[in-house]
């Protein structure tokens, strides 16, 4: 048996070189030709049908007619759950109506230039009402009333003339009058009673009590002329309102 020479050994067949990769559009065209347009159309229709069925199953239910009707509290009905009521459906509580006055109506009479009914601001004083009426007349007795007193709605401001007794003020409708019901006894009245008299403030009331304690009881109303701060005009204004 003769030896096999190396160059006589048969070599195995090598695989063929792979074909070059085709472009994408050519491969797609080839696949479409292999599958066929009919199969592509059927597959697309099947996919759309599956998507439509899935949407039909997961979509929210349509609102019924009963859900749009207002809830009632009668028999056989139930109130809606508070968790389902939105904040926009809640009725906000209405604010209470304001009772603050925007103006006061007062009657100014007596010794003023133009007596009549006037409208003034809520925080006005007696002097403001007198100014609205044209100011004091020439024969006015301004010491007979408290020009710094605050006004109230419906009040009557009367400015007496010199030598005229101050009339007892009539309280407005619904107003509780702080003025004494009758003449004030000069020998028994306390400071708060004297302070309610027209033209008598805390200082004058204290002076009346001090005079009474130093000189004894008043013998007559005319003895008020000896009290510091009380002149002839104020004495005449108080004559019909005090007694001894």
C-alpha atoms as a PDB file:
ATOM      1  CA  UNK A   1       0.000   0.000   0.000  1.00  0.00           C
ATOM      2  CA  UNK A   2       1.509   3.239  -1.050  1.00  0.00           C
ATOM      3  CA  UNK A   3       1.547   6.260   1.308  1.00  0.00           C
ATOM      4  CA  UNK A   4      -0.775   9.197   0.643  1.00  0.00           C
ATOM      5  CA  UNK A   5       1.050  12.293  -0.125  1.00  0.00           C
ATOM      6  CA  UNK A   6      -0.150  15.480   1.599  1.00  0.00           C
ATOM      7  CA  UNK A   7      -0.907  17.225  -1.608  1.00  0.00           C
ATOM      8  CA  UNK A   8      -3.072  14.360  -2.693  1.00  0.00           C
ATOM      9  CA  UNK A   9      -5.482  14.656   0.342  1.00  0.00           C
ATOM     10  CA  UNK A  10      -8.944  15.847  -0.711  1.00  0.00           C
ATOM     11  CA  UNK A  11      -9.943  19.085   1.031  1.00  0.00           C
ATOM     12  CA  UNK A  12     -13.533  19.512   2.283  1.00  0.00           C
ATOM     13  CA  UNK A  13     -15.854  21.734   0.305  1.00  0.00           C
ATOM     14  CA  UNK A  14     -16.029  25.260   1.796  1.00  0.00           C
ATOM     15  CA  UNK A  15     -19.445  26.905   2.140  1.00  0.00           C
ATOM     16  CA  UNK A  16     -20.439  29.417  -0.423  1.00  0.00           C
ATOM     17  CA  UNK A  17     -19.957  33.069   0.451  1.00  0.00           C
ATOM     18  CA  UNK A  18     -23.203  34.510   1.860  1.00  0.00           C
ATOM     19  CA  UNK A  19     -25.125  36.719  -0.436  1.00  0.00           C
ATOM     20  CA  UNK A  20     -24.964  40.436   0.393  1.00  0.00           C
ATOM     21  CA  UNK A  21     -27.800  41.862   2.552  1.00  0.00           C
ATOM     22  CA  UNK A  22     -30.565  43.457   0.486  1.00  0.00           C
ATOM     23  CA  UNK A  23     -31.849  46.946   1.235  1.00  0.00           C
ATOM     24  CA  UNK A  24     -34.880  47.279   3.525  1.00  0.00           C
ATOM     25  CA  UNK A  25     -37.365  48.292   0.848  1.00  0.00           C
ATOM     26  CA  UNK A  26     -36.323  45.340  -1.337  1.00  0.00           C
ATOM     27  CA  UNK A  27     -36.730  42.928   1.568  1.00  0.00           C
ATOM     28  CA  UNK A  28     -40.165  44.374   2.351  1.00  0.00           C
ATOM     29  CA  UNK A  29     -41.188  43.992  -1.293  1.00  0.00           C
ATOM     30  CA  UNK A  30     -39.950  40.412  -1.282  1.00  0.00           C
ATOM     31  CA  UNK A  31     -41.845  39.611   1.933  1.00  0.00           C
ATOM     32  CA  UNK A  32     -45.021  41.179   0.550  1.00  0.00           C
ATOM     33  CA  UNK A  33     -44.743  39.092  -2.610  1.00  0.00           C
ATOM     34  CA  UNK A  34     -44.234  35.942  -0.540  1.00  0.00           C
ATOM     35  CA  UNK A  35     -47.124  36.660   1.907  1.00  0.00           C
ATOM     36  CA  UNK A  36     -49.490  38.178  -0.579  1.00  0.00           C
ATOM     37  CA  UNK A  37     -51.710  41.284  -0.322  1.00  0.00           C
ATOM     38  CA  UNK A  38     -54.705  39.224   0.758  1.00  0.00           C
ATOM     39  CA  UNK A  39     -53.006  37.926   3.880  1.00  0.00           C
ATOM     40  CA  UNK A  40     -51.770  41.420   4.816  1.00  0.00           C
ATOM     41  CA  UNK A  41     -55.278  42.882   4.512  1.00  0.00           C
ATOM     42  CA  UNK A  42     -56.821  40.052   6.555  1.00  0.00           C
ATOM     43  CA  UNK A  43     -54.209  40.449   9.293  1.00  0.00           C
ATOM     44  CA  UNK A  44     -54.799  44.219   9.491  1.00  0.00           C
ATOM     45  CA  UNK A  45     -58.562  43.724   9.781  1.00  0.00           C
ATOM     46  CA  UNK A  46     -58.080  41.169  12.557  1.00  0.00           C
ATOM     47  CA  UNK A  47     -55.804  43.498  14.532  1.00  0.00           C
ATOM     48  CA  UNK A  48     -58.296  46.380  14.235  1.00  0.00           C
ATOM     49  CA  UNK A  49     -61.121  44.113  15.384  1.00  0.00           C
ATOM     50  CA  UNK A  50     -59.145  43.069  18.472  1.00  0.00           C
ATOM     51  CA  UNK A  51     -58.373  46.711  19.345  1.00  0.00           C
ATOM     52  CA  UNK A  52     -62.040  47.706  18.915  1.00  0.00           C
ATOM     53  CA  UNK A  53     -63.192  44.862  21.169  1.00  0.00           C
ATOM     54  CA  UNK A  54     -60.649  45.813  23.848  1.00  0.00           C
ATOM     55  CA  UNK A  55     -61.786  49.460  23.808  1.00  0.00           C
ATOM     56  CA  UNK A  56     -65.436  48.404  24.094  1.00  0.00           C
ATOM     57  CA  UNK A  57     -64.647  46.361  27.211  1.00  0.00           C
ATOM     58  CA  UNK A  58     -62.568  48.986  29.064  1.00  0.00           C
ATOM     59  CA  UNK A  59     -64.445  52.204  28.137  1.00  0.00           C
ATOM     60  CA  UNK A  60     -66.474  53.903  30.966  1.00  0.00           C
ATOM     61  CA  UNK A  61     -70.240  53.292  30.912  1.00  0.00           C
ATOM     62  CA  UNK A  62     -72.452  56.022  29.466  1.00  0.00           C
ATOM     63  CA  UNK A  63     -74.396  58.231  31.918  1.00  0.00           C
ATOM     64  CA  UNK A  64     -77.961  57.103  32.483  1.00  0.00           C
ATOM     65  CA  UNK A  65     -80.991  59.363  32.601  1.00  0.00           C
ATOM     66  CA  UNK A  66     -81.484  58.682  36.313  1.00  0.00           C
ATOM     67  CA  UNK A  67     -77.980  59.904  37.143  1.00  0.00           C
ATOM     68  CA  UNK A  68     -78.739  63.344  35.692  1.00  0.00           C
ATOM     69  CA  UNK A  69     -81.886  63.861  37.793  1.00  0.00           C
ATOM     70  CA  UNK A  70     -81.622  65.908  41.046  1.00  0.00           C
ATOM     71  CA  UNK A  71     -81.636  63.958  44.292  1.00  0.00           C
ATOM     72  CA  UNK A  72     -84.653  64.284  46.554  1.00  0.00           C
ATOM     73  CA  UNK A  73     -85.088  63.578  50.236  1.00  0.00           C
ATOM     74  CA  UNK A  74     -88.583  62.142  50.063  1.00  0.00           C
ATOM     75  CA  UNK A  75     -89.620  58.616  50.987  1.00  0.00           C
ATOM     76  CA  UNK A  76     -87.925  55.884  49.005  1.00  0.00           C
ATOM     77  CA  UNK A  77     -85.049  58.108  47.916  1.00  0.00           C
ATOM     78  CA  UNK A  78     -81.512  58.270  49.129  1.00  0.00           C
ATOM     79  CA  UNK A  79     -79.226  61.246  49.451  1.00  0.00           C
ATOM     80  CA  UNK A  80     -76.025  61.174  47.393  1.00  0.00           C
ATOM     81  CA  UNK A  81     -72.840  60.020  48.994  1.00  0.00           C
ATOM     82  CA  UNK A  82     -70.846  62.998  50.251  1.00  0.00           C
ATOM     83  CA  UNK A  83     -67.733  61.599  48.577  1.00  0.00           C
ATOM     84  CA  UNK A  84     -69.345  61.951  45.129  1.00  0.00           C
ATOM     85  CA  UNK A  85     -70.362  65.586  45.539  1.00  0.00           C
ATOM     86  CA  UNK A  86     -67.829  67.914  44.018  1.00  0.00           C
ATOM     87  CA  UNK A  87     -66.837  71.156  45.662  1.00  0.00           C
ATOM     88  CA  UNK A  88     -68.464  73.150  42.856  1.00  0.00           C
ATOM     89  CA  UNK A  89     -71.875  71.668  43.787  1.00  0.00           C
ATOM     90  CA  UNK A  90     -71.658  72.797  47.410  1.00  0.00           C
ATOM     91  CA  UNK A  91     -73.696  75.895  48.175  1.00  0.00           C
ATOM     92  CA  UNK A  92     -71.618  78.529  49.935  1.00  0.00           C
ATOM     93  CA  UNK A  93     -73.290  80.048  53.003  1.00  0.00           C
ATOM     94  CA  UNK A  94     -74.650  83.482  52.308  1.00  0.00           C
ATOM     95  CA  UNK A  95     -73.127  86.350  54.216  1.00  0.00           C
ATOM     96  CA  UNK A  96     -75.434  88.028  56.736  1.00  0.00           C
ATOM     97  CA  UNK A  97     -76.830  91.338  55.511  1.00  0.00           C
ATOM     98  CA  UNK A  98     -74.937  94.349  56.734  1.00  0.00           C
ATOM     99  CA  UNK A  99     -76.790  96.521  59.243  1.00  0.00           C
ATOM    100  CA  UNK A 100     -74.274  99.361  59.377  1.00  0.00           C
ATOM    101  CA  UNK A 101     -75.800 102.749  58.603  1.00  0.00           C
ATOM    102  CA  UNK A 102     -74.260 104.670  55.734  1.00  0.00           C
ATOM    103  CA  UNK A 103     -75.750 107.985  56.912  1.00  0.00           C
ATOM    104  CA  UNK A 104     -77.766 109.526  59.739  1.00  0.00           C
ATOM    105  CA  UNK A 105     -80.918 111.599  59.391  1.00  0.00           C
ATOM    106  CA  UNK A 106     -81.287 114.280  62.072  1.00  0.00           C
ATOM    107  CA  UNK A 107     -83.627 117.199  62.696  1.00  0.00           C
ATOM    108  CA  UNK A 108     -81.889 120.478  63.547  1.00  0.00           C
ATOM    109  CA  UNK A 109     -84.190 123.092  65.109  1.00  0.00           C
ATOM    110  CA  UNK A 110     -84.041 126.248  67.197  1.00  0.00           C
ATOM    111  CA  UNK A 111     -81.483 129.010  66.870  1.00  0.00           C
ATOM    112  CA  UNK A 112     -79.774 127.947  63.635  1.00  0.00           C
ATOM    113  CA  UNK A 113     -79.646 129.658  60.258  1.00  0.00           C
ATOM    114  CA  UNK A 114     -81.674 127.027  58.369  1.00  0.00           C
ATOM    115  CA  UNK A 115     -83.646 124.627  60.583  1.00  0.00           C
ATOM    116  CA  UNK A 116     -84.645 121.372  58.912  1.00  0.00           C
ATOM    117  CA  UNK A 117     -83.873 117.699  58.365  1.00  0.00           C
ATOM    118  CA  UNK A 118     -80.338 116.875  57.252  1.00  0.00           C
ATOM    119  CA  UNK A 119     -78.272 113.804  56.379  1.00  0.00           C
ATOM    120  CA  UNK A 120     -74.854 113.471  58.021  1.00  0.00           C
ATOM    121  CA  UNK A 121     -72.120 110.843  58.255  1.00  0.00           C
ATOM    122  CA  UNK A 122     -72.502 108.081  60.871  1.00  0.00           C
ATOM    123  CA  UNK A 123     -69.657 109.381  63.079  1.00  0.00           C
ATOM    124  CA  UNK A 124     -70.921 112.974  63.116  1.00  0.00           C
ATOM    125  CA  UNK A 125     -71.303 115.150  66.235  1.00  0.00           C
ATOM    126  CA  UNK A 126     -73.897 117.755  67.212  1.00  0.00           C
ATOM    127  CA  UNK A 127     -71.656 120.527  65.898  1.00  0.00           C
ATOM    128  CA  UNK A 128     -71.645 118.837  62.469  1.00  0.00           C
ATOM    129  CA  UNK A 129     -75.438 118.886  62.353  1.00  0.00           C
ATOM    130  CA  UNK A 130     -75.471 122.545  63.379  1.00  0.00           C
ATOM    131  CA  UNK A 131     -72.984 123.362  60.607  1.00  0.00           C
ATOM    132  CA  UNK A 132     -75.192 121.550  58.060  1.00  0.00           C
ATOM    133  CA  UNK A 133     -78.044 123.806  59.173  1.00  0.00           C
ATOM    134  CA  UNK A 134     -76.033 126.933  58.372  1.00  0.00           C
ATOM    135  CA  UNK A 135     -74.455 127.436  61.769  1.00  0.00           C
ATOM    136  CA  UNK A 136     -75.671 129.123  64.940  1.00  0.00           C
ATOM    137  CA  UNK A 137     -78.003 132.092  64.797  1.00  0.00           C
ATOM    138  CA  UNK A 138     -77.019 135.387  66.384  1.00  0.00           C
ATOM    139  CA  UNK A 139     -79.197 134.836  69.467  1.00  0.00           C
ATOM    140  CA  UNK A 140     -78.209 131.172  69.947  1.00  0.00           C
ATOM    141  CA  UNK A 141     -77.245 129.783  73.340  1.00  0.00           C
ATOM    142  CA  UNK A 142     -74.629 127.119  72.424  1.00  0.00           C
ATOM    143  CA  UNK A 143     -73.613 126.476  76.055  1.00  0.00           C
ATOM    144  CA  UNK A 144     -77.035 124.959  76.673  1.00  0.00           C
ATOM    145  CA  UNK A 145     -76.177 121.777  74.736  1.00  0.00           C
ATOM    146  CA  UNK A 146     -73.201 119.515  74.251  1.00  0.00           C
ATOM    147  CA  UNK A 147     -71.864 120.282  70.782  1.00  0.00           C
ATOM    148  CA  UNK A 148     -69.420 117.361  70.998  1.00  0.00           C
ATOM    149  CA  UNK A 149     -72.091 114.714  71.659  1.00  0.00           C
ATOM    150  CA  UNK A 150     -72.339 111.964  69.009  1.00  0.00           C
ATOM    151  CA  UNK A 151     -75.457 111.928  66.861  1.00  0.00           C
ATOM    152  CA  UNK A 152     -77.878 109.041  66.481  1.00  0.00           C
ATOM    153  CA  UNK A 153     -80.235 108.320  63.615  1.00  0.00           C
ATOM    154  CA  UNK A 154     -83.558 110.137  63.986  1.00  0.00           C
ATOM    155  CA  UNK A 155     -82.304 112.521  66.682  1.00  0.00           C
ATOM    156  CA  UNK A 156     -83.659 116.054  67.118  1.00  0.00           C
ATOM    157  CA  UNK A 157     -80.997 118.668  67.851  1.00  0.00           C
ATOM    158  CA  UNK A 158     -82.511 121.798  69.380  1.00  0.00           C
ATOM    159  CA  UNK A 159     -80.380 124.910  69.854  1.00  0.00           C
ATOM    160  CA  UNK A 160     -82.101 127.232  72.391  1.00  0.00           C
ATOM    161  CA  UNK A 161     -82.025 130.977  72.182  1.00  0.00           C
ATOM    162  CA  UNK A 162     -80.714 133.266  74.897  1.00  0.00           C
ATOM    163  CA  UNK A 163     -83.138 133.247  77.831  1.00  0.00           C
ATOM    164  CA  UNK A 164     -85.058 130.246  76.475  1.00  0.00           C
ATOM    165  CA  UNK A 165     -85.524 127.089  78.518  1.00  0.00           C
ATOM    166  CA  UNK A 166     -84.183 123.949  76.913  1.00  0.00           C
ATOM    167  CA  UNK A 167     -87.077 121.643  75.990  1.00  0.00           C
ATOM    168  CA  UNK A 168     -86.869 118.028  77.088  1.00  0.00           C
ATOM    169  CA  UNK A 169     -85.603 116.010  74.131  1.00  0.00           C
ATOM    170  CA  UNK A 170     -87.976 113.410  72.735  1.00  0.00           C
ATOM    171  CA  UNK A 171     -86.160 110.122  72.020  1.00  0.00           C
ATOM    172  CA  UNK A 172     -86.353 108.738  68.517  1.00  0.00           C
ATOM    173  CA  UNK A 173     -88.443 105.675  67.724  1.00  0.00           C
ATOM    174  CA  UNK A 174     -86.755 102.602  69.213  1.00  0.00           C
ATOM    175  CA  UNK A 175     -84.264 104.736  71.166  1.00  0.00           C
ATOM    176  CA  UNK A 176     -83.860 104.468  74.928  1.00  0.00           C
ATOM    177  CA  UNK A 177     -83.415 107.943  76.370  1.00  0.00           C
ATOM    178  CA  UNK A 178     -80.662 108.486  78.949  1.00  0.00           C
ATOM    179  CA  UNK A 179     -82.098 111.824  80.082  1.00  0.00           C
ATOM    180  CA  UNK A 180     -83.718 111.886  83.558  1.00  0.00           C
ATOM    181  CA  UNK A 181     -87.474 111.394  83.580  1.00  0.00           C
ATOM    182  CA  UNK A 182     -88.072 114.422  85.821  1.00  0.00           C
ATOM    183  CA  UNK A 183     -86.220 117.364  87.379  1.00  0.00           C
ATOM    184  CA  UNK A 184     -82.894 116.465  88.978  1.00  0.00           C
ATOM    185  CA  UNK A 185     -82.574 117.268  92.664  1.00  0.00           C
ATOM    186  CA  UNK A 186     -79.390 119.274  93.090  1.00  0.00           C
ATOM    187  CA  UNK A 187     -79.013 118.233  96.716  1.00  0.00           C
ATOM    188  CA  UNK A 188     -79.322 114.475  96.174  1.00  0.00           C
ATOM    189  CA  UNK A 189     -78.147 113.832  92.580  1.00  0.00           C
ATOM    190  CA  UNK A 190     -74.921 111.954  91.957  1.00  0.00           C
ATOM    191  CA  UNK A 191     -72.347 112.876  89.334  1.00  0.00           C
ATOM    192  CA  UNK A 192     -73.759 110.539  86.668  1.00  0.00           C
ATOM    193  CA  UNK A 193     -77.245 112.104  87.041  1.00  0.00           C
ATOM    194  CA  UNK A 194     -75.899 115.645  86.794  1.00  0.00           C
ATOM    195  CA  UNK A 195     -73.768 114.652  83.802  1.00  0.00           C
ATOM    196  CA  UNK A 196     -76.957 113.818  81.864  1.00  0.00           C
ATOM    197  CA  UNK A 197     -78.164 117.426  82.006  1.00  0.00           C
ATOM    198  CA  UNK A 198     -77.613 119.469  78.826  1.00  0.00           C
ATOM    199  CA  UNK A 199     -74.454 121.539  78.983  1.00  0.00           C
ATOM    200  CA  UNK A 200     -73.225 119.766  82.130  1.00  0.00           C
ATOM    201  CA  UNK A 201     -70.146 117.631  81.663  1.00  0.00           C
ATOM    202  CA  UNK A 202     -68.085 115.653  84.185  1.00  0.00           C
ATOM    203  CA  UNK A 203     -66.190 118.767  85.323  1.00  0.00           C
ATOM    204  CA  UNK A 204     -69.334 120.824  85.946  1.00  0.00           C
ATOM    205  CA  UNK A 205     -71.037 117.903  87.716  1.00  0.00           C
ATOM    206  CA  UNK A 206     -68.009 117.555  90.014  1.00  0.00           C
ATOM    207  CA  UNK A 207     -68.093 121.312  90.693  1.00  0.00           C
ATOM    208  CA  UNK A 208     -71.799 121.142  91.686  1.00  0.00           C
ATOM    209  CA  UNK A 209     -71.122 118.315  94.149  1.00  0.00           C
ATOM    210  CA  UNK A 210     -68.032 120.078  95.545  1.00  0.00           C
ATOM    211  CA  UNK A 211     -70.045 123.287  96.087  1.00  0.00           C
ATOM    212  CA  UNK A 212     -72.785 121.296  97.824  1.00  0.00           C
ATOM    213  CA  UNK A 213     -70.305 119.620 100.157  1.00  0.00           C
ATOM    214  CA  UNK A 214     -68.489 122.866 101.009  1.00  0.00           C
ATOM    215  CA  UNK A 215     -71.453 125.262 101.383  1.00  0.00           C
ATOM    216  CA  UNK A 216     -74.294 122.931 102.263  1.00  0.00           C
ATOM    217  CA  UNK A 217     -77.471 122.127 100.329  1.00  0.00           C
ATOM    218  CA  UNK A 218     -78.690 124.443  97.612  1.00  0.00           C
ATOM    219  CA  UNK A 219     -81.460 126.725  98.844  1.00  0.00           C
ATOM    220  CA  UNK A 220     -82.721 127.466  95.320  1.00  0.00           C
ATOM    221  CA  UNK A 221     -81.879 126.808  91.710  1.00  0.00           C
ATOM    222  CA  UNK A 222     -80.411 130.326  91.509  1.00  0.00           C
ATOM    223  CA  UNK A 223     -77.573 129.162  93.773  1.00  0.00           C
ATOM    224  CA  UNK A 224     -76.128 127.367  90.742  1.00  0.00           C
ATOM    225  CA  UNK A 225     -74.779 130.740  89.647  1.00  0.00           C
ATOM    226  CA  UNK A 226     -72.187 130.403  92.424  1.00  0.00           C
ATOM    227  CA  UNK A 227     -70.843 127.163  90.955  1.00  0.00           C
ATOM    228  CA  UNK A 228     -67.680 127.460  88.896  1.00  0.00           C
ATOM    229  CA  UNK A 229     -68.427 126.927  85.180  1.00  0.00           C
ATOM    230  CA  UNK A 230     -72.121 127.850  85.295  1.00  0.00           C
ATOM    231  CA  UNK A 231     -72.963 131.243  83.844  1.00  0.00           C
ATOM    232  CA  UNK A 232     -76.282 133.025  83.386  1.00  0.00           C
ATOM    233  CA  UNK A 233     -77.024 131.333  80.057  1.00  0.00           C
ATOM    234  CA  UNK A 234     -76.390 127.826  81.369  1.00  0.00           C
ATOM    235  CA  UNK A 235     -78.374 128.605  84.527  1.00  0.00           C
ATOM    236  CA  UNK A 236     -81.412 129.559  82.448  1.00  0.00           C
ATOM    237  CA  UNK A 237     -81.004 126.421  80.366  1.00  0.00           C
ATOM    238  CA  UNK A 238     -81.005 124.259  83.517  1.00  0.00           C
ATOM    239  CA  UNK A 239     -83.740 126.094  85.404  1.00  0.00           C
ATOM    240  CA  UNK A 240     -86.583 123.891  84.182  1.00  0.00           C
ATOM    241  CA  UNK A 241     -84.593 120.671  84.536  1.00  0.00           C
ATOM    242  CA  UNK A 242     -83.373 120.855  88.163  1.00  0.00           C
ATOM    243  CA  UNK A 243     -84.919 121.374  91.575  1.00  0.00           C
ATOM    244  CA  UNK A 244     -83.876 121.543  95.242  1.00  0.00           C
END
